[in-house]
């Protein structure tokens, strides 16, 4: 008899095509109505209600009620982390494709992974943070260093306020396209929010792709050149655009 919790129920739920489509759609971090999810999964409203019920029973999906409408979302970052890891395994085991869809290069460049930055730029940011000593791996997790605290404050993020949120402060998340890690948790979410707030990038409509402006990407990369000098970093305040 296998030791530990039995994974077959969760695996079976996620193995259904329609439910997999629903979970993948919710990886965008957005909440959707049952009708919207039915269209995405290619099933009827009655069928999607059955699938959503099963996902909610397993604590994979949660629902928010606003007036007469119900909006479904992933139950939390832990579920998103599991899905991103599965996507990595699926990408690794899939046969090589000769052609890519029109959106795939953009998704590989930068995308939202639930609520944080993933893709080539997400991995770059995380690895530069480690290289410059802003973050450090410790005891199987991540630790924000004093230099890292100053770095985040310099771009308009207060790590103390972020740490007060009722979720994991910071952790690694395996990137399905890069096969390396990017920054997740409340700190990763705060960073993506700040990047968009400063006008460096924006979410592509009806996609997980995050599109950086030319100046925005240059500004993002420049942050780590400044970090290497160990000087305080100051960028535009909230609501300002890159100059």
C-alpha atoms as a PDB file:
ATOM      1  CA  UNK A   1       0.000   0.000   0.000  1.00  0.00           C
ATOM      2  CA  UNK A   2       1.357   3.421  -0.989  1.00  0.00           C
ATOM      3  CA  UNK A   3       2.359   5.755   1.820  1.00  0.00           C
ATOM      4  CA  UNK A   4       0.922   9.271   2.054  1.00  0.00           C
ATOM      5  CA  UNK A   5      -2.204  10.789   0.501  1.00  0.00           C
ATOM      6  CA  UNK A   6      -3.715   9.060  -2.525  1.00  0.00           C
ATOM      7  CA  UNK A   7      -3.288  11.227  -5.628  1.00  0.00           C
ATOM      8  CA  UNK A   8      -5.654   9.289  -7.910  1.00  0.00           C
ATOM      9  CA  UNK A   9      -8.748  11.459  -7.240  1.00  0.00           C
ATOM     10  CA  UNK A  10      -6.973  14.725  -8.042  1.00  0.00           C
ATOM     11  CA  UNK A  11      -5.189  13.165 -11.019  1.00  0.00           C
ATOM     12  CA  UNK A  12      -8.462  11.820 -12.413  1.00  0.00           C
ATOM     13  CA  UNK A  13     -10.175  15.198 -12.039  1.00  0.00           C
ATOM     14  CA  UNK A  14      -7.392  16.994 -13.851  1.00  0.00           C
ATOM     15  CA  UNK A  15      -7.123  14.294 -16.525  1.00  0.00           C
ATOM     16  CA  UNK A  16     -10.504  15.118 -18.063  1.00  0.00           C
ATOM     17  CA  UNK A  17     -10.124  17.293 -21.189  1.00  0.00           C
ATOM     18  CA  UNK A  18     -12.878  19.767 -20.323  1.00  0.00           C
ATOM     19  CA  UNK A  19     -11.689  20.203 -16.734  1.00  0.00           C
ATOM     20  CA  UNK A  20      -8.104  20.599 -17.953  1.00  0.00           C
ATOM     21  CA  UNK A  21      -9.272  23.395 -20.280  1.00  0.00           C
ATOM     22  CA  UNK A  22     -11.029  25.117 -17.386  1.00  0.00           C
ATOM     23  CA  UNK A  23      -7.974  24.923 -15.122  1.00  0.00           C
ATOM     24  CA  UNK A  24      -5.681  26.153 -17.904  1.00  0.00           C
ATOM     25  CA  UNK A  25      -7.978  29.117 -18.573  1.00  0.00           C
ATOM     26  CA  UNK A  26      -7.995  30.026 -14.877  1.00  0.00           C
ATOM     27  CA  UNK A  27      -4.182  30.082 -14.875  1.00  0.00           C
ATOM     28  CA  UNK A  28      -4.584  33.592 -16.283  1.00  0.00           C
ATOM     29  CA  UNK A  29      -5.475  34.708 -12.757  1.00  0.00           C
ATOM     30  CA  UNK A  30      -8.857  35.949 -14.009  1.00  0.00           C
ATOM     31  CA  UNK A  31     -12.227  34.801 -12.733  1.00  0.00           C
ATOM     32  CA  UNK A  32     -14.810  33.650 -15.271  1.00  0.00           C
ATOM     33  CA  UNK A  33     -18.496  32.823 -15.296  1.00  0.00           C
ATOM     34  CA  UNK A  34     -19.675  29.273 -15.968  1.00  0.00           C
ATOM     35  CA  UNK A  35     -20.902  30.356 -19.406  1.00  0.00           C
ATOM     36  CA  UNK A  36     -17.494  31.775 -20.330  1.00  0.00           C
ATOM     37  CA  UNK A  37     -15.755  28.618 -19.138  1.00  0.00           C
ATOM     38  CA  UNK A  38     -18.229  26.437 -21.057  1.00  0.00           C
ATOM     39  CA  UNK A  39     -17.311  28.286 -24.257  1.00  0.00           C
ATOM     40  CA  UNK A  40     -13.586  27.909 -23.537  1.00  0.00           C
ATOM     41  CA  UNK A  41     -13.933  24.184 -22.830  1.00  0.00           C
ATOM     42  CA  UNK A  42     -16.316  23.567 -25.748  1.00  0.00           C
ATOM     43  CA  UNK A  43     -19.061  22.014 -23.623  1.00  0.00           C
ATOM     44  CA  UNK A  44     -22.639  22.893 -22.681  1.00  0.00           C
ATOM     45  CA  UNK A  45     -23.595  24.969 -19.656  1.00  0.00           C
ATOM     46  CA  UNK A  46     -25.098  21.912 -17.994  1.00  0.00           C
ATOM     47  CA  UNK A  47     -21.868  19.954 -18.503  1.00  0.00           C
ATOM     48  CA  UNK A  48     -19.657  22.758 -17.232  1.00  0.00           C
ATOM     49  CA  UNK A  49     -21.749  22.991 -14.053  1.00  0.00           C
ATOM     50  CA  UNK A  50     -21.012  19.317 -13.399  1.00  0.00           C
ATOM     51  CA  UNK A  51     -17.284  19.794 -13.989  1.00  0.00           C
ATOM     52  CA  UNK A  52     -17.086  22.938 -11.843  1.00  0.00           C
ATOM     53  CA  UNK A  53     -18.862  21.137  -9.028  1.00  0.00           C
ATOM     54  CA  UNK A  54     -16.251  18.380  -9.097  1.00  0.00           C
ATOM     55  CA  UNK A  55     -13.370  20.884  -9.146  1.00  0.00           C
ATOM     56  CA  UNK A  56     -14.851  22.809  -6.232  1.00  0.00           C
ATOM     57  CA  UNK A  57     -15.319  19.625  -4.201  1.00  0.00           C
ATOM     58  CA  UNK A  58     -11.599  18.938  -4.611  1.00  0.00           C
ATOM     59  CA  UNK A  59     -10.664  22.529  -3.605  1.00  0.00           C
ATOM     60  CA  UNK A  60      -9.087  23.153  -6.992  1.00  0.00           C
ATOM     61  CA  UNK A  61     -11.540  25.928  -7.901  1.00  0.00           C
ATOM     62  CA  UNK A  62     -13.321  28.523  -5.752  1.00  0.00           C
ATOM     63  CA  UNK A  63     -16.308  30.747  -6.545  1.00  0.00           C
ATOM     64  CA  UNK A  64     -17.070  34.393  -5.794  1.00  0.00           C
ATOM     65  CA  UNK A  65     -20.653  35.675  -5.814  1.00  0.00           C
ATOM     66  CA  UNK A  66     -21.319  39.209  -7.089  1.00  0.00           C
ATOM     67  CA  UNK A  67     -24.987  39.986  -7.264  1.00  0.00           C
ATOM     68  CA  UNK A  68     -26.639  37.462  -9.557  1.00  0.00           C
ATOM     69  CA  UNK A  69     -23.337  36.361 -11.066  1.00  0.00           C
ATOM     70  CA  UNK A  70     -20.901  33.682  -9.929  1.00  0.00           C
ATOM     71  CA  UNK A  71     -17.249  33.937 -10.911  1.00  0.00           C
ATOM     72  CA  UNK A  72     -14.947  30.931 -10.763  1.00  0.00           C
ATOM     73  CA  UNK A  73     -11.207  31.126 -10.080  1.00  0.00           C
ATOM     74  CA  UNK A  74      -8.354  28.870  -9.010  1.00  0.00           C
ATOM     75  CA  UNK A  75      -8.496  28.088  -5.308  1.00  0.00           C
ATOM     76  CA  UNK A  76      -5.044  29.593  -4.768  1.00  0.00           C
ATOM     77  CA  UNK A  77      -1.399  29.812  -5.682  1.00  0.00           C
ATOM     78  CA  UNK A  78      -0.720  26.235  -4.605  1.00  0.00           C
ATOM     79  CA  UNK A  79      -3.071  24.984  -7.325  1.00  0.00           C
ATOM     80  CA  UNK A  80      -1.455  27.302  -9.881  1.00  0.00           C
ATOM     81  CA  UNK A  81       1.991  25.996  -8.881  1.00  0.00           C
ATOM     82  CA  UNK A  82       0.820  22.412  -9.459  1.00  0.00           C
ATOM     83  CA  UNK A  83      -0.626  23.287 -12.870  1.00  0.00           C
ATOM     84  CA  UNK A  84       2.516  25.121 -13.991  1.00  0.00           C
ATOM     85  CA  UNK A  85       4.602  22.087 -13.005  1.00  0.00           C
ATOM     86  CA  UNK A  86       2.296  19.790 -14.978  1.00  0.00           C
ATOM     87  CA  UNK A  87       2.564  22.097 -17.985  1.00  0.00           C
ATOM     88  CA  UNK A  88       6.339  21.775 -17.741  1.00  0.00           C
ATOM     89  CA  UNK A  89       6.112  17.989 -17.745  1.00  0.00           C
ATOM     90  CA  UNK A  90       3.666  18.080 -20.658  1.00  0.00           C
ATOM     91  CA  UNK A  91       5.935  20.377 -22.682  1.00  0.00           C
ATOM     92  CA  UNK A  92       8.936  18.158 -21.993  1.00  0.00           C
ATOM     93  CA  UNK A  93       7.187  14.923 -22.982  1.00  0.00           C
ATOM     94  CA  UNK A  94       5.320  16.287 -26.013  1.00  0.00           C
ATOM     95  CA  UNK A  95       6.639  15.440 -29.485  1.00  0.00           C
ATOM     96  CA  UNK A  96       8.680  18.202 -31.104  1.00  0.00           C
ATOM     97  CA  UNK A  97       6.541  20.572 -33.129  1.00  0.00           C
ATOM     98  CA  UNK A  98       7.750  22.048 -36.360  1.00  0.00           C
ATOM     99  CA  UNK A  99       5.416  25.032 -36.219  1.00  0.00           C
ATOM    100  CA  UNK A 100       4.364  27.310 -33.385  1.00  0.00           C
ATOM    101  CA  UNK A 101       1.021  29.050 -33.029  1.00  0.00           C
ATOM    102  CA  UNK A 102       0.971  32.842 -33.478  1.00  0.00           C
ATOM    103  CA  UNK A 103       0.703  33.489 -29.748  1.00  0.00           C
ATOM    104  CA  UNK A 104       3.240  30.959 -28.551  1.00  0.00           C
ATOM    105  CA  UNK A 105       6.400  33.065 -29.035  1.00  0.00           C
ATOM    106  CA  UNK A 106       4.756  35.865 -27.022  1.00  0.00           C
ATOM    107  CA  UNK A 107       3.808  33.430 -24.245  1.00  0.00           C
ATOM    108  CA  UNK A 108       7.352  32.097 -24.109  1.00  0.00           C
ATOM    109  CA  UNK A 109       8.759  35.634 -23.921  1.00  0.00           C
ATOM    110  CA  UNK A 110       6.591  36.831 -21.020  1.00  0.00           C
ATOM    111  CA  UNK A 111       3.261  35.709 -19.627  1.00  0.00           C
ATOM    112  CA  UNK A 112       1.250  35.733 -16.447  1.00  0.00           C
ATOM    113  CA  UNK A 113       1.449  32.565 -14.355  1.00  0.00           C
ATOM    114  CA  UNK A 114      -1.628  32.984 -12.160  1.00  0.00           C
ATOM    115  CA  UNK A 115      -0.530  36.386 -10.802  1.00  0.00           C
ATOM    116  CA  UNK A 116       3.230  36.607 -11.364  1.00  0.00           C
ATOM    117  CA  UNK A 117       5.623  37.005 -14.292  1.00  0.00           C
ATOM    118  CA  UNK A 118       6.723  33.886 -16.162  1.00  0.00           C
ATOM    119  CA  UNK A 119       8.465  33.101 -19.425  1.00  0.00           C
ATOM    120  CA  UNK A 120      11.896  34.209 -20.614  1.00  0.00           C
ATOM    121  CA  UNK A 121      11.725  37.568 -18.847  1.00  0.00           C
ATOM    122  CA  UNK A 122      10.312  36.091 -15.653  1.00  0.00           C
ATOM    123  CA  UNK A 123      13.196  33.616 -15.457  1.00  0.00           C
ATOM    124  CA  UNK A 124      15.701  36.372 -16.270  1.00  0.00           C
ATOM    125  CA  UNK A 125      14.401  38.546 -13.424  1.00  0.00           C
ATOM    126  CA  UNK A 126      14.547  35.720 -10.894  1.00  0.00           C
ATOM    127  CA  UNK A 127      18.037  34.555 -11.874  1.00  0.00           C
ATOM    128  CA  UNK A 128      19.353  38.126 -11.758  1.00  0.00           C
ATOM    129  CA  UNK A 129      17.889  38.530  -8.270  1.00  0.00           C
ATOM    130  CA  UNK A 130      19.786  35.458  -7.136  1.00  0.00           C
ATOM    131  CA  UNK A 131      22.973  36.534  -8.919  1.00  0.00           C
ATOM    132  CA  UNK A 132      22.974  39.971  -7.311  1.00  0.00           C
ATOM    133  CA  UNK A 133      22.150  38.635  -3.849  1.00  0.00           C
ATOM    134  CA  UNK A 134      18.675  40.154  -3.625  1.00  0.00           C
ATOM    135  CA  UNK A 135      17.248  36.715  -2.874  1.00  0.00           C
ATOM    136  CA  UNK A 136      18.950  33.641  -1.469  1.00  0.00           C
ATOM    137  CA  UNK A 137      17.953  30.006  -1.439  1.00  0.00           C
ATOM    138  CA  UNK A 138      17.852  28.761   2.143  1.00  0.00           C
ATOM    139  CA  UNK A 139      16.449  25.630   3.830  1.00  0.00           C
ATOM    140  CA  UNK A 140      14.505  24.602   0.753  1.00  0.00           C
ATOM    141  CA  UNK A 141      12.931  28.049   0.355  1.00  0.00           C
ATOM    142  CA  UNK A 142      13.767  31.635  -0.498  1.00  0.00           C
ATOM    143  CA  UNK A 143      14.976  34.445   1.735  1.00  0.00           C
ATOM    144  CA  UNK A 144      14.776  38.156   0.893  1.00  0.00           C
ATOM    145  CA  UNK A 145      18.093  39.745   1.763  1.00  0.00           C
ATOM    146  CA  UNK A 146      18.575  43.277   3.106  1.00  0.00           C
ATOM    147  CA  UNK A 147      19.884  44.397  -0.279  1.00  0.00           C
ATOM    148  CA  UNK A 148      16.796  42.867  -1.843  1.00  0.00           C
ATOM    149  CA  UNK A 149      14.532  44.767   0.556  1.00  0.00           C
ATOM    150  CA  UNK A 150      16.162  48.021  -0.516  1.00  0.00           C
ATOM    151  CA  UNK A 151      15.884  47.010  -4.174  1.00  0.00           C
ATOM    152  CA  UNK A 152      12.142  46.404  -3.915  1.00  0.00           C
ATOM    153  CA  UNK A 153      11.617  49.614  -1.967  1.00  0.00           C
ATOM    154  CA  UNK A 154      13.535  51.432  -4.685  1.00  0.00           C
ATOM    155  CA  UNK A 155      11.026  50.366  -7.335  1.00  0.00           C
ATOM    156  CA  UNK A 156       8.037  51.260  -5.167  1.00  0.00           C
ATOM    157  CA  UNK A 157       7.257  47.950  -3.432  1.00  0.00           C
ATOM    158  CA  UNK A 158       7.125  47.707   0.366  1.00  0.00           C
ATOM    159  CA  UNK A 159       8.203  44.120   1.250  1.00  0.00           C
ATOM    160  CA  UNK A 160       6.840  44.483   4.788  1.00  0.00           C
ATOM    161  CA  UNK A 161       3.331  45.157   3.491  1.00  0.00           C
ATOM    162  CA  UNK A 162       3.649  42.345   0.972  1.00  0.00           C
ATOM    163  CA  UNK A 163       4.749  39.924   3.721  1.00  0.00           C
ATOM    164  CA  UNK A 164       1.618  40.785   5.735  1.00  0.00           C
ATOM    165  CA  UNK A 165      -0.627  39.212   3.093  1.00  0.00           C
ATOM    166  CA  UNK A 166      -2.127  35.845   3.938  1.00  0.00           C
ATOM    167  CA  UNK A 167      -0.121  33.809   1.441  1.00  0.00           C
ATOM    168  CA  UNK A 168       3.396  32.557   0.801  1.00  0.00           C
ATOM    169  CA  UNK A 169       5.753  35.543   0.720  1.00  0.00           C
ATOM    170  CA  UNK A 170       8.094  34.295  -2.025  1.00  0.00           C
ATOM    171  CA  UNK A 171       8.927  30.964  -3.610  1.00  0.00           C
ATOM    172  CA  UNK A 172      10.268  29.390  -6.774  1.00  0.00           C
ATOM    173  CA  UNK A 173       7.911  28.270  -9.536  1.00  0.00           C
ATOM    174  CA  UNK A 174       9.168  25.964 -12.306  1.00  0.00           C
ATOM    175  CA  UNK A 175       8.614  27.656 -15.668  1.00  0.00           C
ATOM    176  CA  UNK A 176       7.067  25.282 -18.213  1.00  0.00           C
ATOM    177  CA  UNK A 177       8.628  26.925 -21.271  1.00  0.00           C
ATOM    178  CA  UNK A 178      12.094  27.764 -19.903  1.00  0.00           C
ATOM    179  CA  UNK A 179      12.475  24.652 -17.685  1.00  0.00           C
ATOM    180  CA  UNK A 180      13.988  26.945 -15.058  1.00  0.00           C
ATOM    181  CA  UNK A 181      12.444  28.837 -12.143  1.00  0.00           C
ATOM    182  CA  UNK A 182      10.755  32.210 -11.876  1.00  0.00           C
ATOM    183  CA  UNK A 183       9.624  34.166  -8.814  1.00  0.00           C
ATOM    184  CA  UNK A 184       6.166  33.401  -7.406  1.00  0.00           C
ATOM    185  CA  UNK A 185       4.264  34.138  -4.214  1.00  0.00           C
ATOM    186  CA  UNK A 186       3.088  37.508  -2.935  1.00  0.00           C
ATOM    187  CA  UNK A 187       6.416  39.145  -3.818  1.00  0.00           C
ATOM    188  CA  UNK A 188       6.276  37.893  -7.406  1.00  0.00           C
ATOM    189  CA  UNK A 189       2.691  39.139  -7.737  1.00  0.00           C
ATOM    190  CA  UNK A 190       3.651  42.557  -6.360  1.00  0.00           C
ATOM    191  CA  UNK A 191       6.497  42.814  -8.868  1.00  0.00           C
ATOM    192  CA  UNK A 192       4.266  42.061 -11.873  1.00  0.00           C
ATOM    193  CA  UNK A 193       1.659  44.535 -10.627  1.00  0.00           C
ATOM    194  CA  UNK A 194       4.345  47.213 -10.284  1.00  0.00           C
ATOM    195  CA  UNK A 195       5.727  46.516 -13.771  1.00  0.00           C
ATOM    196  CA  UNK A 196       2.275  47.073 -15.254  1.00  0.00           C
ATOM    197  CA  UNK A 197       1.630  50.060 -12.997  1.00  0.00           C
ATOM    198  CA  UNK A 198       4.732  51.776 -14.340  1.00  0.00           C
ATOM    199  CA  UNK A 199       3.580  51.222 -17.902  1.00  0.00           C
ATOM    200  CA  UNK A 200       6.454  48.914 -18.831  1.00  0.00           C
ATOM    201  CA  UNK A 201       4.148  46.122 -19.974  1.00  0.00           C
ATOM    202  CA  UNK A 202       0.499  45.245 -20.373  1.00  0.00           C
ATOM    203  CA  UNK A 203      -1.581  42.110 -20.579  1.00  0.00           C
ATOM    204  CA  UNK A 204      -2.597  41.055 -24.098  1.00  0.00           C
ATOM    205  CA  UNK A 205      -6.365  40.864 -24.416  1.00  0.00           C
ATOM    206  CA  UNK A 206      -7.796  37.351 -23.996  1.00  0.00           C
ATOM    207  CA  UNK A 207      -4.330  35.865 -23.499  1.00  0.00           C
ATOM    208  CA  UNK A 208      -1.819  35.124 -20.753  1.00  0.00           C
ATOM    209  CA  UNK A 209       0.844  36.975 -22.741  1.00  0.00           C
ATOM    210  CA  UNK A 210       2.462  40.021 -21.121  1.00  0.00           C
ATOM    211  CA  UNK A 211       3.687  42.441 -23.789  1.00  0.00           C
ATOM    212  CA  UNK A 212       6.559  44.733 -22.819  1.00  0.00           C
ATOM    213  CA  UNK A 213       7.214  47.990 -24.599  1.00  0.00           C
ATOM    214  CA  UNK A 214      10.732  48.386 -25.975  1.00  0.00           C
ATOM    215  CA  UNK A 215      11.521  50.986 -23.301  1.00  0.00           C
ATOM    216  CA  UNK A 216       9.822  48.879 -20.651  1.00  0.00           C
ATOM    217  CA  UNK A 217      11.988  45.848 -21.326  1.00  0.00           C
ATOM    218  CA  UNK A 218      15.113  48.018 -21.352  1.00  0.00           C
ATOM    219  CA  UNK A 219      14.070  49.534 -18.016  1.00  0.00           C
ATOM    220  CA  UNK A 220      13.492  46.100 -16.514  1.00  0.00           C
ATOM    221  CA  UNK A 221      16.913  44.865 -17.582  1.00  0.00           C
ATOM    222  CA  UNK A 222      18.531  48.116 -16.420  1.00  0.00           C
ATOM    223  CA  UNK A 223      17.323  47.517 -12.853  1.00  0.00           C
ATOM    224  CA  UNK A 224      19.879  44.764 -12.476  1.00  0.00           C
ATOM    225  CA  UNK A 225      22.721  46.844 -13.845  1.00  0.00           C
ATOM    226  CA  UNK A 226      21.855  49.287 -11.051  1.00  0.00           C
ATOM    227  CA  UNK A 227      21.656  46.444  -8.544  1.00  0.00           C
ATOM    228  CA  UNK A 228      25.218  45.472  -9.444  1.00  0.00           C
ATOM    229  CA  UNK A 229      26.440  48.898  -8.281  1.00  0.00           C
ATOM    230  CA  UNK A 230      24.831  48.345  -4.852  1.00  0.00           C
ATOM    231  CA  UNK A 231      23.404  51.852  -5.068  1.00  0.00           C
ATOM    232  CA  UNK A 232      19.789  52.632  -4.092  1.00  0.00           C
ATOM    233  CA  UNK A 233      17.417  52.328  -7.053  1.00  0.00           C
ATOM    234  CA  UNK A 234      14.718  54.872  -7.658  1.00  0.00           C
ATOM    235  CA  UNK A 235      12.193  54.671 -10.473  1.00  0.00           C
ATOM    236  CA  UNK A 236       9.002  56.503 -11.394  1.00  0.00           C
ATOM    237  CA  UNK A 237       6.428  56.715  -8.643  1.00  0.00           C
ATOM    238  CA  UNK A 238       3.023  55.025  -8.784  1.00  0.00           C
ATOM    239  CA  UNK A 239       1.033  55.931 -11.864  1.00  0.00           C
ATOM    240  CA  UNK A 240       3.980  57.422 -13.738  1.00  0.00           C
ATOM    241  CA  UNK A 241       5.077  55.997 -17.066  1.00  0.00           C
ATOM    242  CA  UNK A 242       8.633  55.235 -18.098  1.00  0.00           C
ATOM    243  CA  UNK A 243      10.361  58.366 -19.233  1.00  0.00           C
END
